[in-house]
Amino acid sequence: MIRSIFAGAALALLLAAAQPAAAADTVTLQDCAQAYGACVNECARNNPSDGKNPNPAAAGCETLCAGKRAACETEAGYDAAKPWVKEKYGQTVDFFKGLLDGK
């Protein structure tokens, strides 16, 4: 019983930390794709190939672009999940109020 209360409290703290940010900060998958395209283009401009072989520096740069896109898409997915997280947070708070108040 005590363990489940502590586990629930930990979950509540986690959900509280995940409170939604302002709507202006919302990132979309389209934003991520555009940023990735711009990043890859910049890599190609800064690390031109000799026409025969790809430039290894460009490949390294494009790898960084791919990592940034993955992080961006993760953020976009989180933004899409914010309403669900907010709902679950509210339900968790209600649960603990009922548990602790006995109502």
PDB file of N, CA and C in Angstrom:
ATOM      1  N   MET A   1       0.822  -1.185   0.000  1.00  0.00           N
ATOM      2  CA  MET A   1       0.000   0.000   0.000  1.00  0.00           C
ATOM      3  C   MET A   1       0.871   1.255   0.000  1.00  0.00           C
ATOM      4  N   ILE A   2       1.843   1.305   0.901  1.00  0.00           N
ATOM      5  CA  ILE A   2       2.726   2.461   0.979  1.00  0.00           C
ATOM      6  C   ILE A   2       3.502   2.620  -0.324  1.00  0.00           C
ATOM      7  N   ARG A   3       3.982   1.492  -0.885  1.00  0.00           N
ATOM      8  CA  ARG A   3       4.726   1.547  -2.148  1.00  0.00           C
ATOM      9  C   ARG A   3       3.878   2.138  -3.261  1.00  0.00           C
ATOM     10  N   SER A   4       2.627   1.716  -3.339  1.00  0.00           N
ATOM     11  CA  SER A   4       1.771   2.225  -4.411  1.00  0.00           C
ATOM     12  C   SER A   4       1.484   3.711  -4.220  1.00  0.00           C
ATOM     13  N   ILE A   5       1.411   4.167  -2.992  1.00  0.00           N
ATOM     14  CA  ILE A   5       1.223   5.602  -2.748  1.00  0.00           C
ATOM     15  C   ILE A   5       2.447   6.370  -3.209  1.00  0.00           C
ATOM     16  N   PHE A   6       3.642   5.870  -2.867  1.00  0.00           N
ATOM     17  CA  PHE A   6       4.860   6.544  -3.306  1.00  0.00           C
ATOM     18  C   PHE A   6       5.013   6.486  -4.820  1.00  0.00           C
ATOM     19  N   ALA A   7       4.662   5.359  -5.419  1.00  0.00           N
ATOM     20  CA  ALA A   7       4.733   5.239  -6.880  1.00  0.00           C
ATOM     21  C   ALA A   7       3.767   6.213  -7.530  1.00  0.00           C
ATOM     22  N   GLY A   8       2.574   6.329  -6.963  1.00  0.00           N
ATOM     23  CA  GLY A   8       1.592   7.273  -7.494  1.00  0.00           C
ATOM     24  C   GLY A   8       2.061   8.707  -7.342  1.00  0.00           C
ATOM     25  N   ALA A   9       2.679   9.013  -6.209  1.00  0.00           N
ATOM     26  CA  ALA A   9       3.200  10.363  -6.001  1.00  0.00           C
ATOM     27  C   ALA A   9       4.301  10.666  -7.005  1.00  0.00           C
ATOM     28  N   ALA A  10       5.146   9.683  -7.270  1.00  0.00           N
ATOM     29  CA  ALA A  10       6.204   9.874  -8.269  1.00  0.00           C
ATOM     30  C   ALA A  10       5.605  10.114  -9.646  1.00  0.00           C
ATOM     31  N   LEU A  11       4.548   9.387  -9.978  1.00  0.00           N
ATOM     32  CA  LEU A  11       3.869   9.585 -11.257  1.00  0.00           C
ATOM     33  C   LEU A  11       3.269  10.983 -11.325  1.00  0.00           C
ATOM     34  N   ALA A  12       2.671  11.427 -10.250  1.00  0.00           N
ATOM     35  CA  ALA A  12       2.083  12.766 -10.220  1.00  0.00           C
ATOM     36  C   ALA A  12       3.146  13.838 -10.438  1.00  0.00           C
ATOM     37  N   LEU A  13       4.305  13.653  -9.809  1.00  0.00           N
ATOM     38  CA  LEU A  13       5.394  14.613  -9.998  1.00  0.00           C
ATOM     39  C   LEU A  13       5.888  14.609 -11.445  1.00  0.00           C
ATOM     40  N   LEU A  14       5.971  13.426 -12.025  1.00  0.00           N
ATOM     41  CA  LEU A  14       6.390  13.317 -13.417  1.00  0.00           C
ATOM     42  C   LEU A  14       5.398  14.018 -14.327  1.00  0.00           C
ATOM     43  N   LEU A  15       4.123  13.793 -14.114  1.00  0.00           N
ATOM     44  CA  LEU A  15       3.107  14.433 -14.943  1.00  0.00           C
ATOM     45  C   LEU A  15       3.078  15.940 -14.705  1.00  0.00           C
ATOM     46  N   ALA A  16       3.350  16.370 -13.490  1.00  0.00           N
ATOM     47  CA  ALA A  16       3.385  17.802 -13.211  1.00  0.00           C
ATOM     48  C   ALA A  16       4.521  18.461 -13.980  1.00  0.00           C
ATOM     49  N   ALA A  17       5.636  17.777 -14.104  1.00  0.00           N
ATOM     50  CA  ALA A  17       6.765  18.307 -14.861  1.00  0.00           C
ATOM     51  C   ALA A  17       6.458  18.365 -16.341  1.00  0.00           C
ATOM     52  N   ALA A  18       5.497  17.588 -16.777  1.00  0.00           N
ATOM     53  CA  ALA A  18       5.155  17.525 -18.195  1.00  0.00           C
ATOM     54  C   ALA A  18       3.986  18.438 -18.541  1.00  0.00           C
ATOM     55  N   GLN A  19       3.745  19.440 -17.720  1.00  0.00           N
ATOM     56  CA  GLN A  19       2.652  20.363 -18.012  1.00  0.00           C
ATOM     57  C   GLN A  19       2.874  21.014 -19.376  1.00  0.00           C
ATOM     58  N   PRO A  20       1.818  21.248 -20.148  1.00  0.00           N
ATOM     59  CA  PRO A  20       1.940  21.815 -21.488  1.00  0.00           C
ATOM     60  C   PRO A  20       2.594  23.189 -21.489  1.00  0.00           C
ATOM     61  N   ALA A  21       3.382  23.422 -22.532  1.00  0.00           N
ATOM     62  CA  ALA A  21       4.003  24.727 -22.733  1.00  0.00           C
ATOM     63  C   ALA A  21       3.029  25.609 -23.507  1.00  0.00           C
ATOM     64  N   ALA A  22       3.430  26.823 -23.751  1.00  0.00           N
ATOM     65  CA  ALA A  22       2.586  27.749 -24.506  1.00  0.00           C
ATOM     66  C   ALA A  22       2.368  27.237 -25.923  1.00  0.00           C
ATOM     67  N   ALA A  23       1.212  27.532 -26.480  1.00  0.00           N
ATOM     68  CA  ALA A  23       0.872  27.043 -27.820  1.00  0.00           C
ATOM     69  C   ALA A  23       1.816  27.594 -28.876  1.00  0.00           C
ATOM     70  N   ALA A  24       2.409  28.759 -28.660  1.00  0.00           N
ATOM     71  CA  ALA A  24       3.322  29.348 -29.633  1.00  0.00           C
ATOM     72  C   ALA A  24       4.581  28.510 -29.807  1.00  0.00           C
ATOM     73  N   ASP A  25       4.884  27.664 -28.838  1.00  0.00           N
ATOM     74  CA  ASP A  25       6.085  26.836 -28.905  1.00  0.00           C
ATOM     75  C   ASP A  25       5.844  25.512 -29.623  1.00  0.00           C
ATOM     76  N   THR A  26       4.658  25.305 -30.151  1.00  0.00           N
ATOM     77  CA  THR A  26       4.316  24.040 -30.782  1.00  0.00           C
ATOM     78  C   THR A  26       5.109  23.844 -32.069  1.00  0.00           C
ATOM     79  N   VAL A  27       5.676  22.661 -32.212  1.00  0.00           N
ATOM     80  CA  VAL A  27       6.468  22.296 -33.387  1.00  0.00           C
ATOM     81  C   VAL A  27       5.685  21.246 -34.167  1.00  0.00           C
ATOM     82  N   THR A  28       5.664  21.361 -35.496  1.00  0.00           N
ATOM     83  CA  THR A  28       4.975  20.375 -36.322  1.00  0.00           C
ATOM     84  C   THR A  28       5.991  19.535 -37.088  1.00  0.00           C
ATOM     85  N   LEU A  29       5.542  18.410 -37.608  1.00  0.00           N
ATOM     86  CA  LEU A  29       6.423  17.569 -38.425  1.00  0.00           C
ATOM     87  C   LEU A  29       6.875  18.315 -39.673  1.00  0.00           C
ATOM     88  N   GLN A  30       6.025  19.182 -40.194  1.00  0.00           N
ATOM     89  CA  GLN A  30       6.403  19.977 -41.368  1.00  0.00           C
ATOM     90  C   GLN A  30       7.552  20.930 -41.023  1.00  0.00           C
ATOM     91  N   ASP A  31       7.511  21.527 -39.833  1.00  0.00           N
ATOM     92  CA  ASP A  31       8.616  22.387 -39.381  1.00  0.00           C
ATOM     93  C   ASP A  31       9.920  21.592 -39.345  1.00  0.00           C
ATOM     94  N   CYS A  32       9.834  20.361 -38.856  1.00  0.00           N
ATOM     95  CA  CYS A  32      11.018  19.506 -38.750  1.00  0.00           C
ATOM     96  C   CYS A  32      11.575  19.184 -40.137  1.00  0.00           C
ATOM     97  N   ALA A  33      10.696  18.858 -41.072  1.00  0.00           N
ATOM     98  CA  ALA A  33      11.130  18.530 -42.429  1.00  0.00           C
ATOM     99  C   ALA A  33      11.789  19.730 -43.100  1.00  0.00           C
ATOM    100  N   GLN A  34      11.220  20.905 -42.900  1.00  0.00           N
ATOM    101  CA  GLN A  34      11.802  22.113 -43.497  1.00  0.00           C
ATOM    102  C   GLN A  34      13.174  22.421 -42.898  1.00  0.00           C
ATOM    103  N   ALA A  35      13.288  22.301 -41.588  1.00  0.00           N
ATOM    104  CA  ALA A  35      14.575  22.553 -40.938  1.00  0.00           C
ATOM    105  C   ALA A  35      15.620  21.540 -41.398  1.00  0.00           C
ATOM    106  N   TYR A  36      15.197  20.277 -41.573  1.00  0.00           N
ATOM    107  CA  TYR A  36      16.114  19.240 -42.045  1.00  0.00           C
ATOM    108  C   TYR A  36      16.597  19.561 -43.456  1.00  0.00           C
ATOM    109  N   GLY A  37      15.694  19.942 -44.336  1.00  0.00           N
ATOM    110  CA  GLY A  37      16.071  20.292 -45.702  1.00  0.00           C
ATOM    111  C   GLY A  37      17.058  21.445 -45.740  1.00  0.00           C
ATOM    112  N   ALA A  38      16.809  22.457 -44.933  1.00  0.00           N
ATOM    113  CA  ALA A  38      17.726  23.601 -44.871  1.00  0.00           C
ATOM    114  C   ALA A  38      19.086  23.181 -44.339  1.00  0.00           C
ATOM    115  N   CYS A  39      19.096  22.304 -43.351  1.00  0.00           N
ATOM    116  CA  CYS A  39      20.345  21.821 -42.761  1.00  0.00           C
ATOM    117  C   CYS A  39      21.165  21.038 -43.781  1.00  0.00           C
ATOM    118  N   VAL A  40      20.508  20.134 -44.510  1.00  0.00           N
ATOM    119  CA  VAL A  40      21.201  19.320 -45.522  1.00  0.00           C
ATOM    120  C   VAL A  40      21.744  20.216 -46.629  1.00  0.00           C
ATOM    121  N   ASN A  41      20.961  21.206 -47.049  1.00  0.00           N
ATOM    122  CA  ASN A  41      21.431  22.138 -48.080  1.00  0.00           C
ATOM    123  C   ASN A  41      22.658  22.914 -47.611  1.00  0.00           C
ATOM    124  N   GLU A  42      22.657  23.323 -46.351  1.00  0.00           N
ATOM    125  CA  GLU A  42      23.805  24.032 -45.800  1.00  0.00           C
ATOM    126  C   GLU A  42      25.036  23.122 -45.759  1.00  0.00           C
ATOM    127  N   CYS A  43      24.826  21.857 -45.430  1.00  0.00           N
ATOM    128  CA  CYS A  43      25.936  20.892 -45.430  1.00  0.00           C
ATOM    129  C   CYS A  43      26.540  20.783 -46.832  1.00  0.00           C
ATOM    130  N   ALA A  44      25.677  20.695 -47.832  1.00  0.00           N
ATOM    131  CA  ALA A  44      26.148  20.570 -49.216  1.00  0.00           C
ATOM    132  C   ALA A  44      26.905  21.825 -49.652  1.00  0.00           C
ATOM    133  N   ARG A  45      26.427  22.994 -49.243  1.00  0.00           N
ATOM    134  CA  ARG A  45      27.115  24.253 -49.590  1.00  0.00           C
ATOM    135  C   ARG A  45      28.474  24.353 -48.904  1.00  0.00           C
ATOM    136  N   ASN A  46      28.528  23.972 -47.636  1.00  0.00           N
ATOM    137  CA  ASN A  46      29.765  24.115 -46.859  1.00  0.00           C
ATOM    138  C   ASN A  46      30.774  22.998 -47.102  1.00  0.00           C
ATOM    139  N   ASN A  47      30.310  21.865 -47.655  1.00  0.00           N
ATOM    140  CA  ASN A  47      31.189  20.708 -47.862  1.00  0.00           C
ATOM    141  C   ASN A  47      30.959  20.123 -49.256  1.00  0.00           C
ATOM    142  N   PRO A  48      31.348  20.871 -50.302  1.00  0.00           N
ATOM    143  CA  PRO A  48      31.083  20.383 -51.661  1.00  0.00           C
ATOM    144  C   PRO A  48      31.896  19.125 -51.982  1.00  0.00           C
ATOM    145  N   SER A  49      31.318  18.280 -52.851  1.00  0.00           N
ATOM    146  CA  SER A  49      32.044  17.075 -53.273  1.00  0.00           C
ATOM    147  C   SER A  49      32.838  17.401 -54.534  1.00  0.00           C
ATOM    148  N   ASP A  50      33.750  16.514 -54.912  1.00  0.00           N
ATOM    149  CA  ASP A  50      34.557  16.728 -56.114  1.00  0.00           C
ATOM    150  C   ASP A  50      33.852  16.216 -57.366  1.00  0.00           C
ATOM    151  N   GLY A  51      32.613  15.767 -57.223  1.00  0.00           N
ATOM    152  CA  GLY A  51      31.853  15.264 -58.358  1.00  0.00           C
ATOM    153  C   GLY A  51      31.975  13.765 -58.539  1.00  0.00           C
ATOM    154  N   LYS A  52      33.041  13.175 -58.058  1.00  0.00           N
ATOM    155  CA  LYS A  52      33.245  11.733 -58.187  1.00  0.00           C
ATOM    156  C   LYS A  52      32.903  11.002 -56.892  1.00  0.00           C
ATOM    157  N   ASN A  53      33.361  11.573 -55.796  1.00  0.00           N
ATOM    158  CA  ASN A  53      33.190  10.937 -54.485  1.00  0.00           C
ATOM    159  C   ASN A  53      32.463  11.889 -53.542  1.00  0.00           C
ATOM    160  N   PRO A  54      31.597  11.345 -52.712  1.00  0.00           N
ATOM    161  CA  PRO A  54      30.947  12.210 -51.715  1.00  0.00           C
ATOM    162  C   PRO A  54      31.971  12.713 -50.698  1.00  0.00           C
ATOM    163  N   ASN A  55      31.730  13.886 -50.184  1.00  0.00           N
ATOM    164  CA  ASN A  55      32.612  14.485 -49.187  1.00  0.00           C
ATOM    165  C   ASN A  55      32.272  13.888 -47.818  1.00  0.00           C
ATOM    166  N   PRO A  56      33.248  13.278 -47.141  1.00  0.00           N
ATOM    167  CA  PRO A  56      32.969  12.695 -45.818  1.00  0.00           C
ATOM    168  C   PRO A  56      32.474  13.732 -44.805  1.00  0.00           C
ATOM    169  N   ALA A  57      32.955  14.963 -44.933  1.00  0.00           N
ATOM    170  CA  ALA A  57      32.495  16.010 -44.006  1.00  0.00           C
ATOM    171  C   ALA A  57      31.009  16.279 -44.203  1.00  0.00           C
ATOM    172  N   ALA A  58      30.556  16.232 -45.453  1.00  0.00           N
ATOM    173  CA  ALA A  58      29.126  16.436 -45.728  1.00  0.00           C
ATOM    174  C   ALA A  58      28.316  15.299 -45.104  1.00  0.00           C
ATOM    175  N   ALA A  59      28.826  14.092 -45.199  1.00  0.00           N
ATOM    176  CA  ALA A  59      28.117  12.952 -44.606  1.00  0.00           C
ATOM    177  C   ALA A  59      28.002  13.114 -43.092  1.00  0.00           C
ATOM    178  N   GLY A  60      29.071  13.569 -42.460  1.00  0.00           N
ATOM    179  CA  GLY A  60      29.029  13.814 -41.016  1.00  0.00           C
ATOM    180  C   GLY A  60      28.049  14.917 -40.665  1.00  0.00           C
ATOM    181  N   CYS A  61      28.053  15.961 -41.463  1.00  0.00           N
ATOM    182  CA  CYS A  61      27.139  17.080 -41.245  1.00  0.00           C
ATOM    183  C   CYS A  61      25.689  16.623 -41.406  1.00  0.00           C
ATOM    184  N   GLU A  62      25.427  15.827 -42.438  1.00  0.00           N
ATOM    185  CA  GLU A  62      24.069  15.337 -42.678  1.00  0.00           C
ATOM    186  C   GLU A  62      23.600  14.403 -41.554  1.00  0.00           C
ATOM    187  N   THR A  63      24.535  13.711 -40.945  1.00  0.00           N
ATOM    188  CA  THR A  63      24.193  12.868 -39.799  1.00  0.00           C
ATOM    189  C   THR A  63      23.707  13.730 -38.633  1.00  0.00           C
ATOM    190  N   LEU A  64      24.370  14.854 -38.426  1.00  0.00           N
ATOM    191  CA  LEU A  64      23.919  15.782 -37.385  1.00  0.00           C
ATOM    192  C   LEU A  64      22.526  16.320 -37.713  1.00  0.00           C
ATOM    193  N   CYS A  65      22.295  16.601 -38.995  1.00  0.00           N
ATOM    194  CA  CYS A  65      20.965  17.067 -39.414  1.00  0.00           C
ATOM    195  C   CYS A  65      19.906  16.014 -39.098  1.00  0.00           C
ATOM    196  N   ALA A  66      20.223  14.764 -39.363  1.00  0.00           N
ATOM    197  CA  ALA A  66      19.278  13.681 -39.096  1.00  0.00           C
ATOM    198  C   ALA A  66      18.987  13.572 -37.599  1.00  0.00           C
ATOM    199  N   GLY A  67      20.002  13.746 -36.773  1.00  0.00           N
ATOM    200  CA  GLY A  67      19.805  13.716 -35.322  1.00  0.00           C
ATOM    201  C   GLY A  67      18.928  14.860 -34.856  1.00  0.00           C
ATOM    202  N   LYS A  68      19.156  16.041 -35.420  1.00  0.00           N
ATOM    203  CA  LYS A  68      18.324  17.193 -35.066  1.00  0.00           C
ATOM    204  C   LYS A  68      16.875  16.965 -35.494  1.00  0.00           C
ATOM    205  N   ARG A  69      16.693  16.347 -36.677  1.00  0.00           N
ATOM    206  CA  ARG A  69      15.332  16.079 -37.143  1.00  0.00           C
ATOM    207  C   ARG A  69      14.636  15.077 -36.218  1.00  0.00           C
ATOM    208  N   ALA A  70      15.353  14.061 -35.791  1.00  0.00           N
ATOM    209  CA  ALA A  70      14.767  13.072 -34.883  1.00  0.00           C
ATOM    210  C   ALA A  70      14.330  13.734 -33.582  1.00  0.00           C
ATOM    211  N   ALA A  71      15.169  14.621 -33.053  1.00  0.00           N
ATOM    212  CA  ALA A  71      14.817  15.332 -31.821  1.00  0.00           C
ATOM    213  C   ALA A  71      13.600  16.232 -32.055  1.00  0.00           C
ATOM    214  N   CYS A  72      13.572  16.893 -33.205  1.00  0.00           N
ATOM    215  CA  CYS A  72      12.454  17.767 -33.551  1.00  0.00           C
ATOM    216  C   CYS A  72      11.159  16.969 -33.665  1.00  0.00           C
ATOM    217  N   GLU A  73      11.223  15.817 -34.334  1.00  0.00           N
ATOM    218  CA  GLU A  73      10.027  14.991 -34.491  1.00  0.00           C
ATOM    219  C   GLU A  73       9.545  14.434 -33.155  1.00  0.00           C
ATOM    220  N   THR A  74      10.472  14.180 -32.258  1.00  0.00           N
ATOM    221  CA  THR A  74      10.093  13.737 -30.912  1.00  0.00           C
ATOM    222  C   THR A  74       9.343  14.853 -30.198  1.00  0.00           C
ATOM    223  N   GLU A  75       9.853  16.071 -30.323  1.00  0.00           N
ATOM    224  CA  GLU A  75       9.181  17.215 -29.713  1.00  0.00           C
ATOM    225  C   GLU A  75       7.795  17.426 -30.332  1.00  0.00           C
ATOM    226  N   ALA A  76       7.702  17.272 -31.649  1.00  0.00           N
ATOM    227  CA  ALA A  76       6.407  17.428 -32.321  1.00  0.00           C
ATOM    228  C   ALA A  76       5.422  16.375 -31.824  1.00  0.00           C
ATOM    229  N   GLY A  77       5.888  15.162 -31.616  1.00  0.00           N
ATOM    230  CA  GLY A  77       5.024  14.106 -31.082  1.00  0.00           C
ATOM    231  C   GLY A  77       4.568  14.418 -29.671  1.00  0.00           C
ATOM    232  N   TYR A  78       5.474  14.968 -28.871  1.00  0.00           N
ATOM    233  CA  TYR A  78       5.107  15.349 -27.508  1.00  0.00           C
ATOM    234  C   TYR A  78       4.065  16.464 -27.537  1.00  0.00           C
ATOM    235  N   ASP A  79       4.268  17.451 -28.431  1.00  0.00           N
ATOM    236  CA  ASP A  79       3.302  18.538 -28.537  1.00  0.00           C
ATOM    237  C   ASP A  79       1.914  18.002 -28.876  1.00  0.00           C
ATOM    238  N   ALA A  80       1.862  16.994 -29.743  1.00  0.00           N
ATOM    239  CA  ALA A  80       0.580  16.403 -30.112  1.00  0.00           C
ATOM    240  C   ALA A  80      -0.040  15.655 -28.928  1.00  0.00           C
ATOM    241  N   ALA A  81       0.792  15.151 -28.025  1.00  0.00           N
ATOM    242  CA  ALA A  81       0.297  14.375 -26.885  1.00  0.00           C
ATOM    243  C   ALA A  81      -0.041  15.249 -25.671  1.00  0.00           C
ATOM    244  N   LYS A  82       0.273  16.525 -25.717  1.00  0.00           N
ATOM    245  CA  LYS A  82       0.062  17.393 -24.556  1.00  0.00           C
ATOM    246  C   LYS A  82      -1.370  17.362 -24.017  1.00  0.00           C
ATOM    247  N   PRO A  83      -2.393  17.431 -24.867  1.00  0.00           N
ATOM    248  CA  PRO A  83      -3.751  17.391 -24.304  1.00  0.00           C
ATOM    249  C   PRO A  83      -4.012  16.108 -23.508  1.00  0.00           C
ATOM    250  N   TRP A  84      -3.523  14.985 -24.005  1.00  0.00           N
ATOM    251  CA  TRP A  84      -3.698  13.713 -23.310  1.00  0.00           C
ATOM    252  C   TRP A  84      -2.955  13.740 -21.982  1.00  0.00           C
ATOM    253  N   VAL A  85      -1.733  14.257 -21.986  1.00  0.00           N
ATOM    254  CA  VAL A  85      -0.935  14.336 -20.762  1.00  0.00           C
ATOM    255  C   VAL A  85      -1.634  15.232 -19.743  1.00  0.00           C
ATOM    256  N   LYS A  86      -2.174  16.354 -20.217  1.00  0.00           N
ATOM    257  CA  LYS A  86      -2.872  17.271 -19.310  1.00  0.00           C
ATOM    258  C   LYS A  86      -4.092  16.588 -18.689  1.00  0.00           C
ATOM    259  N   GLU A  87      -4.825  15.845 -19.500  1.00  0.00           N
ATOM    260  CA  GLU A  87      -6.006  15.126 -18.993  1.00  0.00           C
ATOM    261  C   GLU A  87      -5.599  14.097 -17.933  1.00  0.00           C
ATOM    262  N   LYS A  88      -4.554  13.321 -18.221  1.00  0.00           N
ATOM    263  CA  LYS A  88      -4.104  12.293 -17.280  1.00  0.00           C
ATOM    264  C   LYS A  88      -3.559  12.926 -15.997  1.00  0.00           C
ATOM    265  N   TYR A  89      -2.909  14.060 -16.140  1.00  0.00           N
ATOM    266  CA  TYR A  89      -2.413  14.778 -14.966  1.00  0.00           C
ATOM    267  C   TYR A  89      -3.587  15.157 -14.060  1.00  0.00           C
ATOM    268  N   GLY A  90      -4.637  15.727 -14.661  1.00  0.00           N
ATOM    269  CA  GLY A  90      -5.815  16.114 -13.891  1.00  0.00           C
ATOM    270  C   GLY A  90      -6.456  14.920 -13.198  1.00  0.00           C
ATOM    271  N   GLN A  91      -6.531  13.804 -13.909  1.00  0.00           N
ATOM    272  CA  GLN A  91      -7.101  12.596 -13.313  1.00  0.00           C
ATOM    273  C   GLN A  91      -6.247  12.094 -12.150  1.00  0.00           C
ATOM    274  N   THR A  92      -4.938  12.194 -12.297  1.00  0.00           N
ATOM    275  CA  THR A  92      -4.037  11.750 -11.226  1.00  0.00           C
ATOM    276  C   THR A  92      -4.185  12.637  -9.996  1.00  0.00           C
ATOM    277  N   VAL A  93      -4.273  13.951 -10.227  1.00  0.00           N
ATOM    278  CA  VAL A  93      -4.466  14.877  -9.107  1.00  0.00           C
ATOM    279  C   VAL A  93      -5.781  14.558  -8.395  1.00  0.00           C
ATOM    280  N   ASP A  94      -6.851  14.344  -9.171  1.00  0.00           N
ATOM    281  CA  ASP A  94      -8.143  14.001  -8.576  1.00  0.00           C
ATOM    282  C   ASP A  94      -8.057  12.705  -7.768  1.00  0.00           C
ATOM    283  N   PHE A  95      -7.332  11.731  -8.299  1.00  0.00           N
ATOM    284  CA  PHE A  95      -7.165  10.462  -7.597  1.00  0.00           C
ATOM    285  C   PHE A  95      -6.519  10.680  -6.236  1.00  0.00           C
ATOM    286  N   PHE A  96      -5.446  11.450  -6.203  1.00  0.00           N
ATOM    287  CA  PHE A  96      -4.747  11.646  -4.936  1.00  0.00           C
ATOM    288  C   PHE A  96      -5.545  12.509  -3.967  1.00  0.00           C
ATOM    289  N   LYS A  97      -6.306  13.449  -4.497  1.00  0.00           N
ATOM    290  CA  LYS A  97      -7.180  14.229  -3.616  1.00  0.00           C
ATOM    291  C   LYS A  97      -8.197  13.298  -2.942  1.00  0.00           C
ATOM    292  N   GLY A  98      -8.793  12.430  -3.756  1.00  0.00           N
ATOM    293  CA  GLY A  98      -9.755  11.473  -3.211  1.00  0.00           C
ATOM    294  C   GLY A  98      -9.101  10.502  -2.236  1.00  0.00           C
ATOM    295  N   LEU A  99      -7.903  10.058  -2.558  1.00  0.00           N
ATOM    296  CA  LEU A  99      -7.195   9.114  -1.694  1.00  0.00           C
ATOM    297  C   LEU A  99      -6.833   9.744  -0.361  1.00  0.00           C
ATOM    298  N   LEU A 100      -6.321  10.945  -0.421  1.00  0.00           N
ATOM    299  CA  LEU A 100      -5.840  11.588   0.798  1.00  0.00           C
ATOM    300  C   LEU A 100      -6.978  12.226   1.618  1.00  0.00           C
ATOM    301  N   ASP A 101      -8.008  12.712   0.933  1.00  0.00           N
ATOM    302  CA  ASP A 101      -9.126  13.347   1.630  1.00  0.00           C
ATOM    303  C   ASP A 101     -10.189  12.340   2.046  1.00  0.00           C
ATOM    304  N   GLY A 102     -10.184  11.166   1.424  1.00  0.00           N
ATOM    305  CA  GLY A 102     -11.176  10.150   1.723  1.00  0.00           C
ATOM    306  C   GLY A 102     -12.556  10.485   1.190  1.00  0.00           C
ATOM    307  N   LYS A 103     -12.595  11.337   0.171  1.00  0.00           N
ATOM    308  CA  LYS A 103     -13.898  11.744  -0.399  1.00  0.00           C
ATOM    309  C   LYS A 103     -14.065  11.159  -1.765  1.00  0.00           C
TER     310      LYS A 103
END
